[in-house]
């Protein structure tokens, strides 16, 4: 029994202290999560671009050997190469002297800033998203 009934016990936390901590964690999470999601999105985009460049190198080797891009084989079809695809890689245009390599977001992954990425035989790059070309294609 407490000898002084008017003295408060100071064991544990008050509800106010707990709510302050929860509010601080909520504020930090609301700042950190969008930055983390953007970081992950940029990493997946960079992987797709690397595989697109690999496809362009394969196509250029085939053109050097055969004098045409038609009949190209061995091209990557998804990014990442194994596991769940975040981007689908394709060559919607594949003619004798021209090609377009395209990477389109697929499945549950979306990239509203850059959207679908393309590169052609001349090295011209495009994106269909809301972001500027410089934001999506870093040199």
N, C-alpha and C. Protein backbone atom coordinates (compact mmCIF):
# COMPACT_ATOMS: atom_id res chain seq x y z
N UNK A 1 0.83 -1.18 0.00
CA UNK A 1 0.00 0.00 0.00
C UNK A 1 0.88 1.24 0.00
N UNK A 2 0.44 2.24 -0.71
CA UNK A 2 1.17 3.49 -0.84
C UNK A 2 0.99 4.31 0.44
N UNK A 3 2.11 4.70 1.08
CA UNK A 3 1.98 5.45 2.33
C UNK A 3 1.34 6.82 2.14
N UNK A 4 1.51 7.45 1.00
CA UNK A 4 0.93 8.77 0.76
C UNK A 4 -0.08 8.62 -0.37
N UNK A 5 -1.37 8.62 -0.10
CA UNK A 5 -2.39 8.39 -1.14
C UNK A 5 -2.44 9.53 -2.15
N UNK A 6 -1.90 10.70 -1.91
CA UNK A 6 -1.93 11.81 -2.85
C UNK A 6 -0.76 11.77 -3.83
N UNK A 7 0.24 10.95 -3.60
CA UNK A 7 1.41 10.87 -4.47
C UNK A 7 1.08 9.98 -5.66
N UNK A 8 1.40 10.49 -6.87
CA UNK A 8 1.14 9.75 -8.10
C UNK A 8 2.20 8.69 -8.32
N UNK A 9 1.82 7.61 -8.87
CA UNK A 9 2.76 6.57 -9.23
C UNK A 9 3.39 6.94 -10.58
N UNK A 10 4.67 6.76 -10.75
CA UNK A 10 5.34 7.13 -12.00
C UNK A 10 5.85 5.89 -12.72
N UNK A 11 5.03 4.88 -12.77
CA UNK A 11 5.39 3.65 -13.47
C UNK A 11 4.72 3.64 -14.83
N UNK A 12 5.51 3.47 -15.94
CA UNK A 12 4.95 3.36 -17.28
C UNK A 12 4.77 4.72 -17.96
N UNK A 13 4.07 4.67 -19.09
CA UNK A 13 3.84 5.85 -19.91
C UNK A 13 2.40 6.29 -19.81
N UNK A 14 2.17 7.57 -20.02
CA UNK A 14 0.79 8.06 -20.08
C UNK A 14 0.31 7.92 -21.52
N UNK A 15 -0.97 8.00 -21.70
CA UNK A 15 -1.56 7.89 -23.03
C UNK A 15 -1.08 9.04 -23.91
N UNK A 16 -0.93 10.21 -23.36
CA UNK A 16 -0.46 11.38 -24.12
C UNK A 16 0.96 11.13 -24.63
N UNK A 17 1.83 10.62 -23.78
CA UNK A 17 3.21 10.35 -24.21
C UNK A 17 3.23 9.31 -25.34
N UNK A 18 2.42 8.31 -25.21
CA UNK A 18 2.35 7.28 -26.23
C UNK A 18 1.82 7.84 -27.55
N UNK A 19 0.82 8.68 -27.51
CA UNK A 19 0.26 9.29 -28.72
C UNK A 19 1.26 10.23 -29.39
N UNK A 20 2.07 10.93 -28.62
CA UNK A 20 3.10 11.80 -29.19
C UNK A 20 4.11 10.96 -29.97
N UNK A 21 4.53 9.84 -29.39
CA UNK A 21 5.48 8.95 -30.07
C UNK A 21 4.86 8.39 -31.35
N UNK A 22 3.61 7.97 -31.30
CA UNK A 22 2.93 7.45 -32.49
C UNK A 22 2.83 8.53 -33.56
N UNK A 23 2.52 9.75 -33.19
CA UNK A 23 2.44 10.86 -34.14
C UNK A 23 3.79 11.12 -34.80
N UNK A 24 4.85 11.11 -34.03
CA UNK A 24 6.19 11.35 -34.58
C UNK A 24 6.56 10.23 -35.57
N UNK A 25 6.27 8.99 -35.21
CA UNK A 25 6.56 7.87 -36.11
C UNK A 25 5.73 7.99 -37.39
N UNK A 26 4.49 8.41 -37.27
CA UNK A 26 3.64 8.60 -38.44
C UNK A 26 4.17 9.67 -39.37
N UNK A 27 4.64 10.77 -38.82
CA UNK A 27 5.20 11.86 -39.63
C UNK A 27 6.45 11.39 -40.35
N UNK A 28 7.33 10.70 -39.63
CA UNK A 28 8.55 10.19 -40.26
C UNK A 28 8.23 9.18 -41.36
N UNK A 29 7.27 8.30 -41.13
CA UNK A 29 6.90 7.32 -42.14
C UNK A 29 6.29 7.98 -43.37
N UNK A 30 5.50 9.03 -43.17
CA UNK A 30 4.88 9.71 -44.31
C UNK A 30 5.92 10.41 -45.18
N UNK A 31 7.06 10.73 -44.64
CA UNK A 31 8.14 11.34 -45.41
C UNK A 31 9.02 10.25 -46.03
N UNK A 32 9.32 9.22 -45.29
CA UNK A 32 10.27 8.20 -45.73
C UNK A 32 9.69 7.26 -46.79
N UNK A 33 8.44 6.84 -46.66
CA UNK A 33 7.91 5.84 -47.58
C UNK A 33 7.87 6.31 -49.04
N UNK A 34 7.39 7.52 -49.35
CA UNK A 34 7.42 7.95 -50.76
C UNK A 34 8.84 8.01 -51.33
N UNK A 35 9.80 8.43 -50.50
CA UNK A 35 11.18 8.45 -50.97
C UNK A 35 11.69 7.05 -51.24
N UNK A 36 11.34 6.12 -50.39
CA UNK A 36 11.74 4.72 -50.57
C UNK A 36 11.10 4.15 -51.84
N UNK A 37 9.82 4.40 -52.03
CA UNK A 37 9.12 3.89 -53.21
C UNK A 37 9.74 4.45 -54.49
N UNK A 38 10.10 5.73 -54.49
CA UNK A 38 10.75 6.34 -55.65
C UNK A 38 12.12 5.72 -55.90
N UNK A 39 12.85 5.45 -54.84
CA UNK A 39 14.16 4.81 -54.96
C UNK A 39 14.04 3.43 -55.58
N UNK A 40 13.07 2.64 -55.15
CA UNK A 40 12.85 1.30 -55.69
C UNK A 40 12.45 1.40 -57.16
N UNK A 41 11.56 2.34 -57.49
CA UNK A 41 11.12 2.53 -58.87
C UNK A 41 12.29 2.89 -59.78
N UNK A 42 13.17 3.78 -59.32
CA UNK A 42 14.34 4.16 -60.13
C UNK A 42 15.28 2.98 -60.33
N UNK A 43 15.42 2.14 -59.31
CA UNK A 43 16.27 0.95 -59.43
C UNK A 43 15.73 -0.04 -60.45
N UNK A 44 14.43 -0.26 -60.44
CA UNK A 44 13.81 -1.16 -61.42
C UNK A 44 13.91 -0.59 -62.82
N UNK A 45 13.75 0.72 -62.95
CA UNK A 45 13.87 1.39 -64.24
C UNK A 45 15.29 1.25 -64.78
N UNK A 46 16.29 1.42 -63.93
CA UNK A 46 17.69 1.29 -64.35
C UNK A 46 17.99 -0.13 -64.82
N UNK A 47 17.42 -1.13 -64.14
CA UNK A 47 17.62 -2.52 -64.57
C UNK A 47 17.01 -2.74 -65.95
N UNK A 48 15.81 -2.22 -66.18
CA UNK A 48 15.17 -2.36 -67.49
C UNK A 48 16.00 -1.66 -68.56
N UNK A 49 16.51 -0.49 -68.26
CA UNK A 49 17.33 0.23 -69.25
C UNK A 49 18.61 -0.53 -69.56
N UNK A 50 19.21 -1.16 -68.57
CA UNK A 50 20.43 -1.95 -68.81
C UNK A 50 20.13 -3.12 -69.75
N UNK A 51 18.99 -3.79 -69.55
CA UNK A 51 18.62 -4.89 -70.43
C UNK A 51 18.24 -4.39 -71.82
N UNK A 52 17.66 -3.19 -71.90
CA UNK A 52 17.37 -2.60 -73.20
C UNK A 52 18.67 -2.35 -73.96
N UNK A 53 19.67 -1.83 -73.27
CA UNK A 53 20.96 -1.57 -73.91
C UNK A 53 21.63 -2.88 -74.33
N UNK A 54 21.43 -3.92 -73.53
CA UNK A 54 21.95 -5.24 -73.90
C UNK A 54 21.28 -5.72 -75.19
N UNK A 55 19.96 -5.51 -75.29
CA UNK A 55 19.25 -5.89 -76.51
C UNK A 55 19.74 -5.09 -77.71
N UNK A 56 20.00 -3.80 -77.52
CA UNK A 56 20.51 -3.00 -78.65
C UNK A 56 21.88 -3.49 -79.09
N UNK A 57 22.71 -3.90 -78.16
CA UNK A 57 24.03 -4.44 -78.52
C UNK A 57 23.89 -5.75 -79.29
N UNK A 58 22.97 -6.61 -78.88
CA UNK A 58 22.72 -7.86 -79.61
C UNK A 58 22.26 -7.55 -81.02
N UNK A 59 21.33 -6.61 -81.14
CA UNK A 59 20.81 -6.24 -82.46
C UNK A 59 21.92 -5.67 -83.35
N UNK A 60 22.80 -4.86 -82.79
CA UNK A 60 23.88 -4.28 -83.59
C UNK A 60 24.87 -5.36 -84.03
N UNK A 61 25.14 -6.35 -83.17
CA UNK A 61 26.01 -7.46 -83.58
C UNK A 61 25.38 -8.25 -84.72
N UNK A 62 24.07 -8.49 -84.62
CA UNK A 62 23.36 -9.22 -85.68
C UNK A 62 23.41 -8.43 -86.98
N UNK A 63 23.23 -7.11 -86.90
CA UNK A 63 23.27 -6.28 -88.11
C UNK A 63 24.67 -6.30 -88.72
N UNK A 64 25.69 -6.24 -87.89
CA UNK A 64 27.07 -6.27 -88.39
C UNK A 64 27.35 -7.59 -89.10
N UNK A 65 26.83 -8.67 -88.57
CA UNK A 65 27.08 -9.99 -89.16
C UNK A 65 26.22 -10.25 -90.40
N UNK A 66 24.92 -9.90 -90.32
CA UNK A 66 23.97 -10.27 -91.37
C UNK A 66 23.55 -9.13 -92.29
N UNK A 67 23.82 -7.90 -91.91
CA UNK A 67 23.39 -6.76 -92.72
C UNK A 67 21.91 -6.43 -92.55
N UNK A 68 21.25 -7.03 -91.57
CA UNK A 68 19.84 -6.78 -91.31
C UNK A 68 19.53 -7.09 -89.85
N UNK A 69 18.49 -6.42 -89.34
CA UNK A 69 18.04 -6.71 -87.97
C UNK A 69 17.01 -7.83 -87.95
N UNK A 70 16.43 -8.14 -89.10
CA UNK A 70 15.38 -9.15 -89.18
C UNK A 70 15.94 -10.52 -88.79
N UNK A 71 15.15 -11.25 -88.02
CA UNK A 71 15.54 -12.58 -87.59
C UNK A 71 16.39 -12.59 -86.34
N UNK A 72 16.45 -11.48 -85.64
CA UNK A 72 17.26 -11.39 -84.42
C UNK A 72 16.73 -12.34 -83.37
N UNK A 73 17.64 -13.04 -82.71
CA UNK A 73 17.26 -13.96 -81.63
C UNK A 73 18.13 -13.67 -80.42
N UNK A 74 17.73 -14.21 -79.28
CA UNK A 74 18.52 -14.05 -78.05
C UNK A 74 18.26 -12.78 -77.30
N UNK A 75 17.17 -12.08 -77.64
CA UNK A 75 16.86 -10.82 -76.97
C UNK A 75 16.18 -11.09 -75.63
N UNK A 76 16.45 -10.24 -74.65
CA UNK A 76 15.80 -10.33 -73.34
C UNK A 76 14.34 -9.93 -73.49
N UNK A 77 13.47 -10.58 -72.71
CA UNK A 77 12.04 -10.30 -72.83
C UNK A 77 11.42 -9.73 -71.57
N UNK A 78 12.15 -9.74 -70.45
CA UNK A 78 11.60 -9.17 -69.22
C UNK A 78 12.72 -8.65 -68.33
N UNK A 79 12.34 -7.73 -67.48
CA UNK A 79 13.26 -7.19 -66.48
C UNK A 79 12.57 -7.29 -65.13
N UNK A 80 13.20 -7.87 -64.14
CA UNK A 80 14.50 -8.54 -64.15
C UNK A 80 14.45 -9.83 -64.95
N UNK A 81 15.64 -10.37 -65.25
CA UNK A 81 15.74 -11.56 -66.10
C UNK A 81 15.05 -12.77 -65.51
N UNK A 82 15.03 -12.87 -64.17
CA UNK A 82 14.33 -13.98 -63.53
C UNK A 82 13.45 -13.43 -62.41
N UNK A 83 12.44 -14.19 -62.05
CA UNK A 83 11.51 -13.72 -61.02
C UNK A 83 10.33 -13.01 -61.65
N UNK A 84 9.63 -12.25 -60.84
CA UNK A 84 8.45 -11.52 -61.30
C UNK A 84 8.87 -10.33 -62.15
N UNK A 85 8.30 -10.23 -63.34
CA UNK A 85 8.66 -9.16 -64.27
C UNK A 85 8.08 -7.83 -63.82
N UNK A 86 8.93 -6.80 -63.86
CA UNK A 86 8.48 -5.43 -63.62
C UNK A 86 8.30 -4.69 -64.94
N UNK A 87 9.09 -5.07 -65.93
CA UNK A 87 9.01 -4.51 -67.28
C UNK A 87 8.99 -5.66 -68.28
N UNK A 88 8.21 -5.49 -69.35
CA UNK A 88 8.23 -6.42 -70.46
C UNK A 88 9.00 -5.76 -71.58
N UNK A 89 10.05 -6.42 -72.06
CA UNK A 89 10.87 -5.90 -73.15
C UNK A 89 10.41 -6.50 -74.46
N UNK A 90 10.32 -5.67 -75.50
CA UNK A 90 9.89 -6.15 -76.81
C UNK A 90 10.54 -5.30 -77.89
N UNK A 91 10.39 -5.78 -79.11
CA UNK A 91 10.87 -5.02 -80.28
C UNK A 91 9.68 -4.88 -81.23
N UNK A 92 8.80 -3.88 -80.98
CA UNK A 92 7.62 -3.72 -81.83
C UNK A 92 7.97 -3.38 -83.27
N UNK A 93 9.12 -2.75 -83.50
CA UNK A 93 9.59 -2.45 -84.83
C UNK A 93 10.92 -3.16 -85.03
N UNK A 94 10.96 -4.07 -86.00
CA UNK A 94 12.19 -4.80 -86.30
C UNK A 94 12.22 -5.00 -87.80
N UNK A 95 12.86 -4.07 -88.50
CA UNK A 95 12.94 -4.10 -89.96
C UNK A 95 14.39 -4.32 -90.38
N UNK A 96 14.64 -4.27 -91.67
CA UNK A 96 15.99 -4.54 -92.18
C UNK A 96 17.02 -3.55 -91.64
N UNK A 97 16.65 -2.27 -91.56
CA UNK A 97 17.63 -1.26 -91.14
C UNK A 97 17.18 -0.45 -89.94
N UNK A 98 16.05 -0.78 -89.36
CA UNK A 98 15.58 -0.04 -88.19
C UNK A 98 15.03 -0.99 -87.14
N UNK A 99 15.06 -0.51 -85.90
CA UNK A 99 14.44 -1.25 -84.81
C UNK A 99 14.04 -0.28 -83.72
N UNK A 100 13.13 -0.72 -82.88
CA UNK A 100 12.76 -0.02 -81.66
C UNK A 100 12.73 -1.07 -80.56
N UNK A 101 13.46 -0.82 -79.48
CA UNK A 101 13.41 -1.67 -78.29
C UNK A 101 12.55 -0.93 -77.27
N UNK A 102 11.59 -1.64 -76.71
CA UNK A 102 10.62 -1.02 -75.80
C UNK A 102 10.58 -1.77 -74.48
N UNK A 103 10.45 -1.02 -73.39
CA UNK A 103 10.26 -1.60 -72.06
C UNK A 103 9.01 -0.97 -71.46
N UNK A 104 7.99 -1.81 -71.24
CA UNK A 104 6.71 -1.34 -70.71
C UNK A 104 6.50 -1.91 -69.30
N UNK A 105 6.11 -1.07 -68.34
CA UNK A 105 5.81 -1.59 -67.00
C UNK A 105 4.72 -2.66 -67.08
N UNK A 106 4.84 -3.68 -66.26
CA UNK A 106 3.90 -4.79 -66.33
C UNK A 106 3.51 -5.26 -64.93
N UNK A 107 2.43 -5.99 -64.86
CA UNK A 107 1.97 -6.53 -63.59
C UNK A 107 1.55 -5.44 -62.62
N UNK A 108 1.91 -5.61 -61.36
CA UNK A 108 1.52 -4.64 -60.34
C UNK A 108 2.46 -3.44 -60.30
N UNK A 109 3.55 -3.48 -61.08
CA UNK A 109 4.50 -2.37 -61.09
C UNK A 109 4.01 -1.28 -62.03
N UNK A 110 4.11 -0.04 -61.58
CA UNK A 110 3.77 1.10 -62.44
C UNK A 110 4.84 2.18 -62.28
N UNK A 111 5.03 2.93 -63.33
CA UNK A 111 6.01 4.01 -63.33
C UNK A 111 5.38 5.23 -63.99
N UNK A 112 4.56 6.00 -63.25
CA UNK A 112 3.87 7.13 -63.86
C UNK A 112 4.81 8.23 -64.35
N UNK A 113 6.00 8.32 -63.77
CA UNK A 113 6.94 9.36 -64.16
C UNK A 113 7.50 9.10 -65.56
N UNK A 114 7.88 7.84 -65.84
CA UNK A 114 8.52 7.53 -67.12
C UNK A 114 7.67 6.67 -68.04
N UNK A 115 6.78 5.86 -67.51
CA UNK A 115 5.92 5.04 -68.36
C UNK A 115 6.73 4.05 -69.18
N UNK A 116 6.35 3.92 -70.45
CA UNK A 116 7.04 3.01 -71.37
C UNK A 116 8.27 3.69 -71.93
N UNK A 117 9.39 2.99 -71.89
CA UNK A 117 10.65 3.52 -72.39
C UNK A 117 10.96 2.89 -73.75
N UNK A 118 11.52 3.69 -74.68
CA UNK A 118 11.93 3.15 -75.98
C UNK A 118 13.28 3.72 -76.37
N UNK A 119 13.98 2.94 -77.18
CA UNK A 119 15.23 3.37 -77.80
C UNK A 119 15.27 2.76 -79.19
N UNK A 120 15.79 3.51 -80.18
CA UNK A 120 15.83 2.98 -81.54
C UNK A 120 17.27 2.82 -82.02
N UNK A 121 17.44 2.43 -83.29
CA UNK A 121 18.75 2.14 -83.84
C UNK A 121 19.65 3.38 -83.88
N UNK A 122 19.09 4.56 -83.87
CA UNK A 122 19.87 5.79 -83.88
C UNK A 122 20.24 6.25 -82.47
N UNK A 123 19.73 5.54 -81.47
CA UNK A 123 20.00 5.91 -80.08
C UNK A 123 19.03 6.92 -79.52
N UNK A 124 17.97 7.23 -80.27
CA UNK A 124 16.95 8.17 -79.79
C UNK A 124 16.13 7.49 -78.70
N UNK A 125 15.95 8.18 -77.61
CA UNK A 125 15.23 7.63 -76.45
C UNK A 125 13.96 8.42 -76.20
N UNK A 126 12.92 7.71 -75.77
CA UNK A 126 11.65 8.36 -75.45
C UNK A 126 11.06 7.74 -74.19
N UNK A 127 10.07 8.42 -73.64
CA UNK A 127 9.28 7.89 -72.54
C UNK A 127 7.86 8.41 -72.68
N UNK A 128 6.89 7.65 -72.16
CA UNK A 128 5.49 8.05 -72.29
C UNK A 128 4.91 8.62 -71.01
N UNK A 129 5.72 8.72 -69.96
CA UNK A 129 5.23 9.21 -68.67
C UNK A 129 5.18 10.72 -68.59
N UNK A 130 4.92 11.20 -67.39
CA UNK A 130 4.79 12.64 -67.15
C UNK A 130 6.13 13.32 -66.93
N UNK A 131 7.18 12.56 -66.70
CA UNK A 131 8.50 13.12 -66.41
C UNK A 131 9.24 13.55 -67.67
N UNK A 132 10.22 14.39 -67.47
CA UNK A 132 11.08 14.84 -68.57
C UNK A 132 12.01 13.70 -69.00
N UNK A 133 12.46 13.75 -70.23
CA UNK A 133 13.36 12.73 -70.77
C UNK A 133 14.63 12.63 -69.91
N UNK A 134 15.13 13.76 -69.45
CA UNK A 134 16.35 13.76 -68.62
C UNK A 134 16.12 13.08 -67.27
N UNK A 135 14.89 13.09 -66.78
CA UNK A 135 14.59 12.42 -65.51
C UNK A 135 14.55 10.90 -65.66
N UNK A 136 14.20 10.45 -66.85
CA UNK A 136 14.03 9.01 -67.08
C UNK A 136 15.26 8.35 -67.66
N UNK A 137 16.02 9.06 -68.44
CA UNK A 137 17.21 8.51 -69.08
C UNK A 137 18.43 9.28 -68.60
N UNK A 138 19.09 8.74 -67.61
CA UNK A 138 20.32 9.37 -67.09
C UNK A 138 21.49 8.94 -67.96
N UNK A 139 22.36 9.87 -68.26
CA UNK A 139 23.55 9.53 -69.06
C UNK A 139 24.71 9.20 -68.18
